[in-house]
Amino acid sequence: MDKIYLELYMSLVLTFFGFFGIINVKKNLILILLSIEILYAGIVLNFLFLGVLDSSAFGQIFALIVVLISSAESVLILSLLVLYHKMKLTTFITNLRTTYG
């Protein structure tokens, strides 16, 4: 039973690293996207380990839903990032504010 708590702490640390990366990276969109994906990975592991601890399949179902949402989000943001990079030749947020629609 102690091993599952160690894994829960590990997923919590992964979630905090993702959150910390989102807050501290202020210029590069690719690093912000990687931090969001690390945050999603920590959340998925947390759902899985809590499902094991509870002995139910709800944790796996929620983890599958989060994986599906994060993959759709990644595809959308990466495609927009590629289009923006083709237009402006940079991925910095400071140049994003000067783009008008």
N, C-alpha and C. Protein backbone atom coordinates (compact mmCIF):
# COMPACT_ATOMS: atom_id res chain seq x y z
N MET A 1 0.81 -1.19 0.00
CA MET A 1 0.00 0.00 0.00
C MET A 1 0.86 1.26 0.00
N ASP A 2 2.08 1.18 0.53
CA ASP A 2 2.94 2.35 0.56
C ASP A 2 3.46 2.72 -0.82
N LYS A 3 3.56 1.73 -1.71
CA LYS A 3 4.07 2.00 -3.05
C LYS A 3 3.10 2.88 -3.84
N ILE A 4 1.82 2.71 -3.65
CA ILE A 4 0.84 3.51 -4.38
C ILE A 4 0.90 4.97 -3.93
N TYR A 5 1.20 5.21 -2.65
CA TYR A 5 1.33 6.58 -2.19
C TYR A 5 2.59 7.24 -2.76
N LEU A 6 3.64 6.47 -2.93
CA LEU A 6 4.85 7.00 -3.57
C LEU A 6 4.56 7.38 -5.02
N GLU A 7 3.78 6.57 -5.71
CA GLU A 7 3.41 6.89 -7.08
C GLU A 7 2.48 8.09 -7.15
N LEU A 8 1.61 8.25 -6.16
CA LEU A 8 0.76 9.44 -6.11
C LEU A 8 1.59 10.70 -5.90
N TYR A 9 2.60 10.62 -5.02
CA TYR A 9 3.48 11.76 -4.83
C TYR A 9 4.26 12.08 -6.10
N MET A 10 4.65 11.04 -6.83
CA MET A 10 5.37 11.24 -8.08
C MET A 10 4.50 11.95 -9.11
N SER A 11 3.23 11.56 -9.20
CA SER A 11 2.33 12.25 -10.14
C SER A 11 2.06 13.68 -9.68
N LEU A 12 2.02 13.90 -8.39
CA LEU A 12 1.84 15.25 -7.87
C LEU A 12 3.04 16.14 -8.21
N VAL A 13 4.25 15.60 -8.09
CA VAL A 13 5.45 16.35 -8.46
C VAL A 13 5.45 16.66 -9.95
N LEU A 14 5.04 15.71 -10.77
CA LEU A 14 4.96 15.94 -12.21
C LEU A 14 3.94 17.04 -12.53
N THR A 15 2.83 17.04 -11.83
CA THR A 15 1.82 18.08 -12.02
C THR A 15 2.37 19.45 -11.61
N PHE A 16 3.09 19.50 -10.51
CA PHE A 16 3.66 20.78 -10.08
C PHE A 16 4.73 21.27 -11.04
N PHE A 17 5.54 20.37 -11.61
CA PHE A 17 6.53 20.78 -12.61
C PHE A 17 5.85 21.38 -13.84
N GLY A 18 4.76 20.79 -14.26
CA GLY A 18 4.02 21.34 -15.40
C GLY A 18 3.44 22.71 -15.08
N PHE A 19 2.85 22.84 -13.90
CA PHE A 19 2.27 24.12 -13.50
C PHE A 19 3.35 25.18 -13.33
N PHE A 20 4.48 24.80 -12.76
CA PHE A 20 5.60 25.71 -12.57
C PHE A 20 6.17 26.16 -13.92
N GLY A 21 6.21 25.25 -14.89
CA GLY A 21 6.69 25.60 -16.22
C GLY A 21 5.76 26.56 -16.94
N ILE A 22 4.46 26.39 -16.76
CA ILE A 22 3.50 27.31 -17.38
C ILE A 22 3.65 28.71 -16.80
N ILE A 23 3.85 28.80 -15.51
CA ILE A 23 3.95 30.10 -14.86
C ILE A 23 5.28 30.79 -15.20
N ASN A 24 6.39 30.06 -15.22
CA ASN A 24 7.70 30.69 -15.36
C ASN A 24 8.15 30.93 -16.79
N VAL A 25 7.70 30.14 -17.75
CA VAL A 25 8.10 30.37 -19.14
C VAL A 25 7.16 31.41 -19.72
N LYS A 26 7.72 32.55 -20.06
CA LYS A 26 6.85 33.64 -20.50
C LYS A 26 7.08 34.04 -21.95
N LYS A 27 8.07 33.44 -22.63
CA LYS A 27 8.36 33.92 -23.97
C LYS A 27 8.18 32.88 -25.06
N ASN A 28 8.45 31.63 -24.81
CA ASN A 28 8.46 30.63 -25.87
C ASN A 28 7.18 29.79 -25.82
N LEU A 29 6.45 29.77 -26.92
CA LEU A 29 5.19 29.03 -26.97
C LEU A 29 5.40 27.52 -26.94
N ILE A 30 6.50 27.04 -27.49
CA ILE A 30 6.76 25.60 -27.51
C ILE A 30 7.01 25.09 -26.09
N LEU A 31 7.75 25.85 -25.29
CA LEU A 31 7.99 25.43 -23.91
C LEU A 31 6.71 25.48 -23.07
N ILE A 32 5.85 26.43 -23.35
CA ILE A 32 4.57 26.48 -22.65
C ILE A 32 3.72 25.26 -23.01
N LEU A 33 3.73 24.88 -24.29
CA LEU A 33 2.99 23.70 -24.72
C LEU A 33 3.55 22.43 -24.08
N LEU A 34 4.87 22.32 -23.97
CA LEU A 34 5.47 21.17 -23.30
C LEU A 34 5.10 21.13 -21.82
N SER A 35 5.04 22.29 -21.18
CA SER A 35 4.64 22.34 -19.77
C SER A 35 3.19 21.91 -19.59
N ILE A 36 2.33 22.30 -20.53
CA ILE A 36 0.93 21.87 -20.47
C ILE A 36 0.83 20.36 -20.62
N GLU A 37 1.64 19.78 -21.50
CA GLU A 37 1.62 18.33 -21.68
C GLU A 37 2.15 17.60 -20.45
N ILE A 38 3.15 18.16 -19.78
CA ILE A 38 3.65 17.56 -18.53
C ILE A 38 2.57 17.64 -17.46
N LEU A 39 1.84 18.74 -17.43
CA LEU A 39 0.74 18.88 -16.48
C LEU A 39 -0.33 17.84 -16.74
N TYR A 40 -0.68 17.63 -18.02
CA TYR A 40 -1.67 16.61 -18.36
C TYR A 40 -1.18 15.21 -17.99
N ALA A 41 0.10 14.94 -18.19
CA ALA A 41 0.64 13.62 -17.83
C ALA A 41 0.53 13.37 -16.33
N GLY A 42 0.82 14.39 -15.54
CA GLY A 42 0.67 14.25 -14.09
C GLY A 42 -0.77 14.02 -13.68
N ILE A 43 -1.70 14.69 -14.33
CA ILE A 43 -3.12 14.52 -14.02
C ILE A 43 -3.58 13.12 -14.40
N VAL A 44 -3.13 12.62 -15.55
CA VAL A 44 -3.50 11.27 -15.98
C VAL A 44 -2.97 10.23 -15.01
N LEU A 45 -1.70 10.38 -14.61
CA LEU A 45 -1.14 9.43 -13.63
C LEU A 45 -1.89 9.50 -12.30
N ASN A 46 -2.29 10.68 -11.91
CA ASN A 46 -3.04 10.83 -10.67
C ASN A 46 -4.38 10.11 -10.75
N PHE A 47 -5.09 10.26 -11.88
CA PHE A 47 -6.36 9.54 -12.06
C PHE A 47 -6.14 8.03 -12.03
N LEU A 48 -5.10 7.56 -12.71
CA LEU A 48 -4.84 6.11 -12.75
C LEU A 48 -4.51 5.55 -11.38
N PHE A 49 -3.65 6.24 -10.63
CA PHE A 49 -3.26 5.73 -9.32
C PHE A 49 -4.39 5.82 -8.31
N LEU A 50 -5.22 6.86 -8.41
CA LEU A 50 -6.37 6.92 -7.53
C LEU A 50 -7.40 5.86 -7.88
N GLY A 51 -7.49 5.49 -9.16
CA GLY A 51 -8.37 4.39 -9.54
C GLY A 51 -7.88 3.06 -9.00
N VAL A 52 -6.56 2.87 -8.97
CA VAL A 52 -5.99 1.64 -8.39
C VAL A 52 -6.23 1.62 -6.89
N LEU A 53 -6.07 2.77 -6.26
CA LEU A 53 -6.26 2.85 -4.81
C LEU A 53 -7.72 2.59 -4.43
N ASP A 54 -8.65 3.03 -5.29
CA ASP A 54 -10.07 2.86 -5.02
C ASP A 54 -10.61 1.52 -5.54
N SER A 55 -9.82 0.81 -6.33
CA SER A 55 -10.19 -0.48 -6.94
C SER A 55 -11.42 -0.34 -7.84
N SER A 56 -11.41 0.71 -8.66
CA SER A 56 -12.50 0.92 -9.60
C SER A 56 -11.93 1.31 -10.97
N ALA A 57 -12.78 1.25 -11.97
CA ALA A 57 -12.35 1.56 -13.33
C ALA A 57 -12.59 3.02 -13.68
N PHE A 58 -13.15 3.81 -12.77
CA PHE A 58 -13.44 5.20 -13.07
C PHE A 58 -12.17 6.01 -13.30
N GLY A 59 -11.10 5.68 -12.60
CA GLY A 59 -9.83 6.37 -12.81
C GLY A 59 -9.29 6.15 -14.21
N GLN A 60 -9.43 4.94 -14.72
CA GLN A 60 -8.98 4.66 -16.08
C GLN A 60 -9.86 5.36 -17.11
N ILE A 61 -11.15 5.44 -16.85
CA ILE A 61 -12.05 6.13 -17.78
C ILE A 61 -11.74 7.62 -17.83
N PHE A 62 -11.54 8.23 -16.67
CA PHE A 62 -11.19 9.65 -16.64
C PHE A 62 -9.83 9.90 -17.27
N ALA A 63 -8.88 8.99 -17.05
CA ALA A 63 -7.55 9.13 -17.66
C ALA A 63 -7.66 9.07 -19.18
N LEU A 64 -8.49 8.18 -19.69
CA LEU A 64 -8.69 8.09 -21.14
C LEU A 64 -9.31 9.37 -21.69
N ILE A 65 -10.25 9.95 -20.97
CA ILE A 65 -10.87 11.20 -21.41
C ILE A 65 -9.85 12.33 -21.42
N VAL A 66 -9.00 12.40 -20.40
CA VAL A 66 -7.98 13.45 -20.34
C VAL A 66 -6.96 13.28 -21.45
N VAL A 67 -6.57 12.05 -21.76
CA VAL A 67 -5.63 11.80 -22.85
C VAL A 67 -6.23 12.21 -24.18
N LEU A 68 -7.49 11.92 -24.41
CA LEU A 68 -8.15 12.32 -25.64
C LEU A 68 -8.23 13.84 -25.78
N ILE A 69 -8.57 14.51 -24.70
CA ILE A 69 -8.66 15.97 -24.73
C ILE A 69 -7.28 16.59 -24.94
N SER A 70 -6.27 16.07 -24.26
CA SER A 70 -4.93 16.65 -24.41
C SER A 70 -4.36 16.41 -25.80
N SER A 71 -4.67 15.27 -26.41
CA SER A 71 -4.17 15.04 -27.76
C SER A 71 -4.85 15.96 -28.76
N ALA A 72 -6.14 16.20 -28.60
CA ALA A 72 -6.84 17.13 -29.49
C ALA A 72 -6.32 18.55 -29.30
N GLU A 73 -6.05 18.92 -28.07
CA GLU A 73 -5.50 20.24 -27.78
C GLU A 73 -4.11 20.41 -28.38
N SER A 74 -3.30 19.38 -28.29
CA SER A 74 -1.95 19.44 -28.84
C SER A 74 -1.96 19.59 -30.36
N VAL A 75 -2.82 18.85 -31.02
CA VAL A 75 -2.91 18.95 -32.48
C VAL A 75 -3.34 20.35 -32.89
N LEU A 76 -4.32 20.89 -32.22
CA LEU A 76 -4.82 22.22 -32.57
C LEU A 76 -3.76 23.29 -32.34
N ILE A 77 -3.13 23.28 -31.19
CA ILE A 77 -2.15 24.31 -30.88
C ILE A 77 -0.91 24.17 -31.74
N LEU A 78 -0.46 22.95 -32.01
CA LEU A 78 0.71 22.78 -32.87
C LEU A 78 0.44 23.23 -34.29
N SER A 79 -0.76 22.99 -34.81
CA SER A 79 -1.08 23.45 -36.16
C SER A 79 -1.13 24.97 -36.21
N LEU A 80 -1.70 25.61 -35.19
CA LEU A 80 -1.70 27.07 -35.14
C LEU A 80 -0.29 27.62 -34.98
N LEU A 81 0.54 26.92 -34.23
CA LEU A 81 1.92 27.34 -34.03
C LEU A 81 2.72 27.25 -35.33
N VAL A 82 2.50 26.21 -36.12
CA VAL A 82 3.18 26.08 -37.41
C VAL A 82 2.75 27.19 -38.35
N LEU A 83 1.47 27.51 -38.38
CA LEU A 83 0.98 28.61 -39.22
C LEU A 83 1.56 29.95 -38.78
N TYR A 84 1.62 30.18 -37.47
CA TYR A 84 2.18 31.42 -36.96
C TYR A 84 3.67 31.52 -37.27
N HIS A 85 4.39 30.39 -37.16
CA HIS A 85 5.82 30.39 -37.44
C HIS A 85 6.09 30.66 -38.93
N LYS A 86 5.24 30.16 -39.79
CA LYS A 86 5.39 30.45 -41.22
C LYS A 86 5.15 31.92 -41.52
N MET A 87 4.23 32.54 -40.77
CA MET A 87 3.92 33.94 -41.00
C MET A 87 4.99 34.88 -40.42
N LYS A 88 5.41 34.65 -39.19
CA LYS A 88 6.28 35.59 -38.48
C LYS A 88 7.72 35.10 -38.29
N LEU A 89 8.00 33.82 -38.59
CA LEU A 89 9.33 33.23 -38.44
C LEU A 89 9.85 33.26 -37.01
N THR A 90 8.98 33.21 -36.04
CA THR A 90 9.36 33.15 -34.64
C THR A 90 8.23 32.49 -33.83
N THR A 91 8.58 32.03 -32.63
CA THR A 91 7.57 31.45 -31.74
C THR A 91 7.52 32.18 -30.40
N PHE A 92 8.00 33.40 -30.35
CA PHE A 92 8.00 34.16 -29.10
C PHE A 92 6.66 34.86 -28.89
N ILE A 93 6.23 34.91 -27.65
CA ILE A 93 4.94 35.51 -27.32
C ILE A 93 4.98 37.02 -27.49
N THR A 94 6.15 37.63 -27.32
CA THR A 94 6.23 39.10 -27.44
C THR A 94 5.86 39.53 -28.86
N ASN A 95 6.16 38.72 -29.86
CA ASN A 95 5.77 39.05 -31.23
C ASN A 95 4.32 38.68 -31.51
N LEU A 96 3.74 37.83 -30.70
CA LEU A 96 2.35 37.44 -30.88
C LEU A 96 1.40 38.59 -30.60
N ARG A 97 1.77 39.47 -29.71
CA ARG A 97 0.91 40.59 -29.35
C ARG A 97 0.81 41.63 -30.44
N THR A 98 1.75 41.63 -31.38
CA THR A 98 1.72 42.62 -32.45
C THR A 98 0.96 42.12 -33.69
N THR A 99 0.43 40.91 -33.62
CA THR A 99 -0.30 40.36 -34.74
C THR A 99 -1.75 40.83 -34.68
N TYR A 100 -2.21 41.42 -35.76
CA TYR A 100 -3.58 41.89 -35.84
C TYR A 100 -4.32 41.08 -36.89
N GLY A 101 -5.61 40.85 -36.65
CA GLY A 101 -6.36 39.95 -37.40
C GLY A 101 -7.02 40.25 -38.63
